[in-house]
């Protein structure tokens, strides 16, 4: 598992982020305080405080993590 911080501070960023990670066949969790939600759930993301960076837990093997990090680079905080 790898954890990175991402910033989703607009509706368009949330929609494009969900569409992007939905292409990967791995689990992704967003952690904000005590809340943990599925990062592929657009409604779940909107229940979080998006004004500050959020932790993204990537549950993938090491080989896939590099590809995932490259594709989500625009969202990294």
N, C-alpha and C. Protein backbone atom coordinates (compact mmCIF):
# COMPACT_ATOMS: atom_id res chain seq x y z
N UNK A 1 0.84 -1.19 0.00
CA UNK A 1 0.00 0.00 0.00
C UNK A 1 0.88 1.24 0.00
N UNK A 2 0.47 2.23 -0.76
CA UNK A 2 1.18 3.50 -0.83
C UNK A 2 0.19 4.61 -0.50
N UNK A 3 0.64 5.60 0.26
CA UNK A 3 -0.21 6.73 0.63
C UNK A 3 0.40 8.02 0.09
N UNK A 4 -0.43 8.81 -0.61
CA UNK A 4 -0.01 10.12 -1.11
C UNK A 4 -1.11 11.12 -0.77
N UNK A 5 -0.75 12.40 -0.81
CA UNK A 5 -1.74 13.44 -0.58
C UNK A 5 -2.18 14.01 -1.92
N UNK A 6 -3.50 14.16 -2.07
CA UNK A 6 -4.04 14.74 -3.29
C UNK A 6 -4.91 15.94 -2.95
N UNK A 7 -5.13 16.78 -3.95
CA UNK A 7 -5.98 17.95 -3.79
C UNK A 7 -7.10 17.88 -4.82
N UNK A 8 -8.33 17.88 -4.34
CA UNK A 8 -9.51 17.86 -5.21
C UNK A 8 -10.38 19.06 -4.86
N UNK A 9 -9.92 20.25 -5.27
CA UNK A 9 -10.57 21.48 -4.81
C UNK A 9 -11.59 22.06 -5.78
N UNK A 10 -12.03 21.27 -6.78
CA UNK A 10 -13.10 21.73 -7.66
C UNK A 10 -13.93 20.54 -8.12
N UNK A 11 -15.14 20.83 -8.55
CA UNK A 11 -16.05 19.76 -8.99
C UNK A 11 -15.46 19.05 -10.21
N UNK A 12 -14.88 19.81 -11.13
CA UNK A 12 -14.29 19.21 -12.34
C UNK A 12 -13.13 18.28 -11.99
N UNK A 13 -12.32 18.69 -11.01
CA UNK A 13 -11.19 17.83 -10.60
C UNK A 13 -11.70 16.52 -9.99
N UNK A 14 -12.77 16.59 -9.21
CA UNK A 14 -13.33 15.38 -8.59
C UNK A 14 -13.83 14.44 -9.68
N UNK A 15 -14.59 14.97 -10.65
CA UNK A 15 -15.13 14.13 -11.72
C UNK A 15 -14.02 13.49 -12.55
N UNK A 16 -13.03 14.26 -12.93
CA UNK A 16 -11.95 13.70 -13.76
C UNK A 16 -11.10 12.71 -12.97
N UNK A 17 -10.91 12.96 -11.66
CA UNK A 17 -10.15 12.04 -10.82
C UNK A 17 -10.86 10.69 -10.71
N UNK A 18 -12.16 10.71 -10.45
CA UNK A 18 -12.93 9.46 -10.32
C UNK A 18 -12.91 8.70 -11.64
N UNK A 19 -13.09 9.40 -12.75
CA UNK A 19 -13.04 8.74 -14.06
C UNK A 19 -11.68 8.11 -14.32
N UNK A 20 -10.62 8.78 -13.89
CA UNK A 20 -9.26 8.28 -14.11
C UNK A 20 -8.99 7.02 -13.29
N UNK A 21 -9.26 7.06 -11.99
CA UNK A 21 -8.91 5.89 -11.17
C UNK A 21 -9.88 4.73 -11.37
N UNK A 22 -11.05 4.98 -11.92
CA UNK A 22 -11.99 3.89 -12.21
C UNK A 22 -11.42 2.95 -13.26
N UNK A 23 -10.45 3.41 -14.03
CA UNK A 23 -9.82 2.58 -15.07
C UNK A 23 -8.88 1.54 -14.46
N UNK A 24 -8.44 1.76 -13.23
CA UNK A 24 -7.52 0.83 -12.57
C UNK A 24 -8.31 -0.22 -11.80
N UNK A 25 -7.80 -1.45 -11.81
CA UNK A 25 -8.50 -2.56 -11.16
C UNK A 25 -7.96 -2.80 -9.75
N UNK A 26 -7.75 -1.72 -9.01
CA UNK A 26 -7.24 -1.79 -7.64
C UNK A 26 -8.16 -1.00 -6.74
N UNK A 27 -7.98 -1.17 -5.42
CA UNK A 27 -8.78 -0.41 -4.45
C UNK A 27 -8.06 0.87 -4.07
N UNK A 28 -8.84 1.94 -3.95
CA UNK A 28 -8.32 3.24 -3.54
C UNK A 28 -9.21 3.76 -2.43
N UNK A 29 -8.60 4.24 -1.34
CA UNK A 29 -9.35 4.83 -0.23
C UNK A 29 -8.90 6.27 -0.03
N UNK A 30 -9.86 7.15 0.25
CA UNK A 30 -9.55 8.52 0.64
C UNK A 30 -9.75 8.63 2.14
N UNK A 31 -8.76 9.20 2.83
CA UNK A 31 -8.80 9.32 4.28
C UNK A 31 -8.75 10.80 4.65
N UNK A 32 -9.79 11.25 5.34
CA UNK A 32 -9.84 12.62 5.82
C UNK A 32 -10.28 12.57 7.27
N UNK A 33 -9.33 12.81 8.18
CA UNK A 33 -9.63 12.68 9.61
C UNK A 33 -9.97 11.25 9.93
N UNK A 34 -11.15 11.02 10.49
CA UNK A 34 -11.55 9.65 10.84
C UNK A 34 -12.39 9.00 9.76
N UNK A 35 -12.64 9.72 8.67
CA UNK A 35 -13.47 9.18 7.58
C UNK A 35 -12.62 8.50 6.53
N UNK A 36 -13.03 7.30 6.13
CA UNK A 36 -12.39 6.55 5.05
C UNK A 36 -13.47 6.20 4.05
N UNK A 37 -13.29 6.66 2.80
CA UNK A 37 -14.30 6.37 1.78
C UNK A 37 -13.62 5.80 0.54
N UNK A 38 -14.41 5.13 -0.27
CA UNK A 38 -13.95 4.57 -1.53
C UNK A 38 -13.68 5.73 -2.49
N UNK A 39 -12.45 5.81 -3.01
CA UNK A 39 -12.08 6.93 -3.88
C UNK A 39 -12.78 6.86 -5.23
N UNK A 40 -13.42 5.75 -5.55
CA UNK A 40 -14.15 5.63 -6.82
C UNK A 40 -15.61 6.08 -6.66
N UNK A 41 -15.98 6.51 -5.47
CA UNK A 41 -17.34 6.96 -5.18
C UNK A 41 -17.41 8.49 -5.22
N UNK A 42 -18.01 9.01 -6.27
CA UNK A 42 -18.07 10.47 -6.42
C UNK A 42 -18.91 11.10 -5.30
N UNK A 43 -19.97 10.42 -4.89
CA UNK A 43 -20.80 10.95 -3.80
C UNK A 43 -20.04 10.92 -2.48
N UNK A 44 -19.25 9.88 -2.27
CA UNK A 44 -18.45 9.79 -1.06
C UNK A 44 -17.42 10.91 -0.98
N UNK A 45 -16.80 11.23 -2.12
CA UNK A 45 -15.79 12.30 -2.14
C UNK A 45 -16.43 13.63 -1.77
N UNK A 46 -17.62 13.89 -2.28
CA UNK A 46 -18.28 15.16 -1.98
C UNK A 46 -18.71 15.26 -0.52
N UNK A 47 -18.68 14.16 0.24
CA UNK A 47 -19.02 14.23 1.66
C UNK A 47 -17.81 14.64 2.50
N UNK A 48 -16.63 14.74 1.87
CA UNK A 48 -15.41 15.12 2.59
C UNK A 48 -15.17 16.62 2.50
N UNK A 49 -14.30 17.12 3.36
CA UNK A 49 -13.86 18.51 3.31
C UNK A 49 -12.79 18.62 2.22
N UNK A 50 -13.15 19.20 1.09
CA UNK A 50 -12.23 19.26 -0.05
C UNK A 50 -11.38 20.53 -0.06
N UNK A 51 -11.46 21.33 0.99
CA UNK A 51 -10.70 22.58 1.02
C UNK A 51 -9.23 22.35 1.36
N UNK A 52 -8.90 21.15 1.86
CA UNK A 52 -7.50 20.84 2.18
C UNK A 52 -7.13 19.50 1.56
N UNK A 53 -5.84 19.21 1.44
CA UNK A 53 -5.41 17.93 0.83
C UNK A 53 -5.93 16.72 1.60
N UNK A 54 -6.15 15.64 0.87
CA UNK A 54 -6.69 14.40 1.41
C UNK A 54 -5.69 13.28 1.16
N UNK A 55 -5.57 12.34 2.11
CA UNK A 55 -4.70 11.18 1.91
C UNK A 55 -5.38 10.17 0.99
N UNK A 56 -4.64 9.69 -0.01
CA UNK A 56 -5.12 8.64 -0.91
C UNK A 56 -4.30 7.40 -0.64
N UNK A 57 -4.97 6.32 -0.19
CA UNK A 57 -4.31 5.03 0.00
C UNK A 57 -4.50 4.20 -1.27
N UNK A 58 -3.39 3.78 -1.86
CA UNK A 58 -3.43 2.98 -3.08
C UNK A 58 -3.10 1.55 -2.70
N UNK A 59 -4.05 0.65 -2.90
CA UNK A 59 -3.87 -0.77 -2.58
C UNK A 59 -3.53 -1.51 -3.87
N UNK A 60 -2.25 -1.42 -4.27
CA UNK A 60 -1.82 -2.05 -5.52
C UNK A 60 -0.41 -2.60 -5.31
N UNK A 61 0.00 -3.48 -6.22
CA UNK A 61 1.37 -4.00 -6.12
C UNK A 61 2.36 -2.92 -6.57
N UNK A 62 3.62 -3.10 -6.17
CA UNK A 62 4.63 -2.06 -6.39
C UNK A 62 4.80 -1.71 -7.86
N UNK A 63 4.67 -2.67 -8.74
CA UNK A 63 4.84 -2.41 -10.17
C UNK A 63 3.75 -1.47 -10.69
N UNK A 64 2.53 -1.63 -10.21
CA UNK A 64 1.41 -0.81 -10.68
C UNK A 64 1.41 0.58 -10.04
N UNK A 65 1.97 0.71 -8.85
CA UNK A 65 1.94 1.99 -8.14
C UNK A 65 2.60 3.09 -8.96
N UNK A 66 3.71 2.79 -9.62
CA UNK A 66 4.40 3.81 -10.42
C UNK A 66 3.51 4.32 -11.55
N UNK A 67 2.81 3.42 -12.23
CA UNK A 67 1.89 3.83 -13.30
C UNK A 67 0.75 4.69 -12.76
N UNK A 68 0.23 4.29 -11.62
CA UNK A 68 -0.88 5.03 -11.01
C UNK A 68 -0.41 6.43 -10.61
N UNK A 69 0.75 6.51 -9.96
CA UNK A 69 1.26 7.82 -9.53
C UNK A 69 1.51 8.73 -10.72
N UNK A 70 1.99 8.18 -11.83
CA UNK A 70 2.23 8.98 -13.03
C UNK A 70 0.91 9.54 -13.57
N UNK A 71 -0.14 8.73 -13.55
CA UNK A 71 -1.42 9.19 -14.11
C UNK A 71 -2.16 10.18 -13.20
N UNK A 72 -1.92 10.11 -11.88
CA UNK A 72 -2.61 11.04 -10.97
C UNK A 72 -1.75 12.24 -10.61
N UNK A 73 -0.64 12.42 -11.29
CA UNK A 73 0.28 13.52 -10.99
C UNK A 73 -0.40 14.89 -10.91
N UNK A 74 -1.36 15.21 -11.80
CA UNK A 74 -2.01 16.54 -11.70
C UNK A 74 -2.78 16.77 -10.39
N UNK A 75 -3.09 15.69 -9.67
CA UNK A 75 -3.89 15.82 -8.44
C UNK A 75 -3.04 15.79 -7.18
N UNK A 76 -1.76 15.47 -7.30
CA UNK A 76 -0.90 15.38 -6.12
C UNK A 76 -0.74 16.75 -5.47
N UNK A 77 -0.82 16.76 -4.15
CA UNK A 77 -0.71 18.02 -3.41
C UNK A 77 0.75 18.39 -3.19
